[in-house]
Amino acid sequence: MKRGFDPERVSRFLQAYGAVYPPHPGEAPLLVDALMLIAPIVTINGPLEDLFFASEHEGVLIDEVMERLAWAASLPAWLGRVRRSFAEMWA
């Protein structure tokens, strides 16, 4: 599993969204900031919750949950790397 979002898919989403709702100047960096703020919540509500309740969910593999946890933990760093290109993708 790749760390962060697939840049091509993010670009396609932002272009389609921008066709309907064009971004205001400076909005793209604010979106990145908002995503960075929710990254810990995504981590807690997603893979950490699955890991905590793994014994209650048959078929949940610890390795799969740990991989998703690693992805969620890497999300802020990925967002930092694509921060500048986000505005270009959302044009």
Foldseek 3Di string as FASTA:
>chain_A
DDAADDVVVLLVVLQVVCVVVNDDVPVLLVVLVVCLVCLVVCLCPPLVVCCVCVVVDPPDDPVVSVVVNVNSVRHNVVSVVCSVVSNVSND
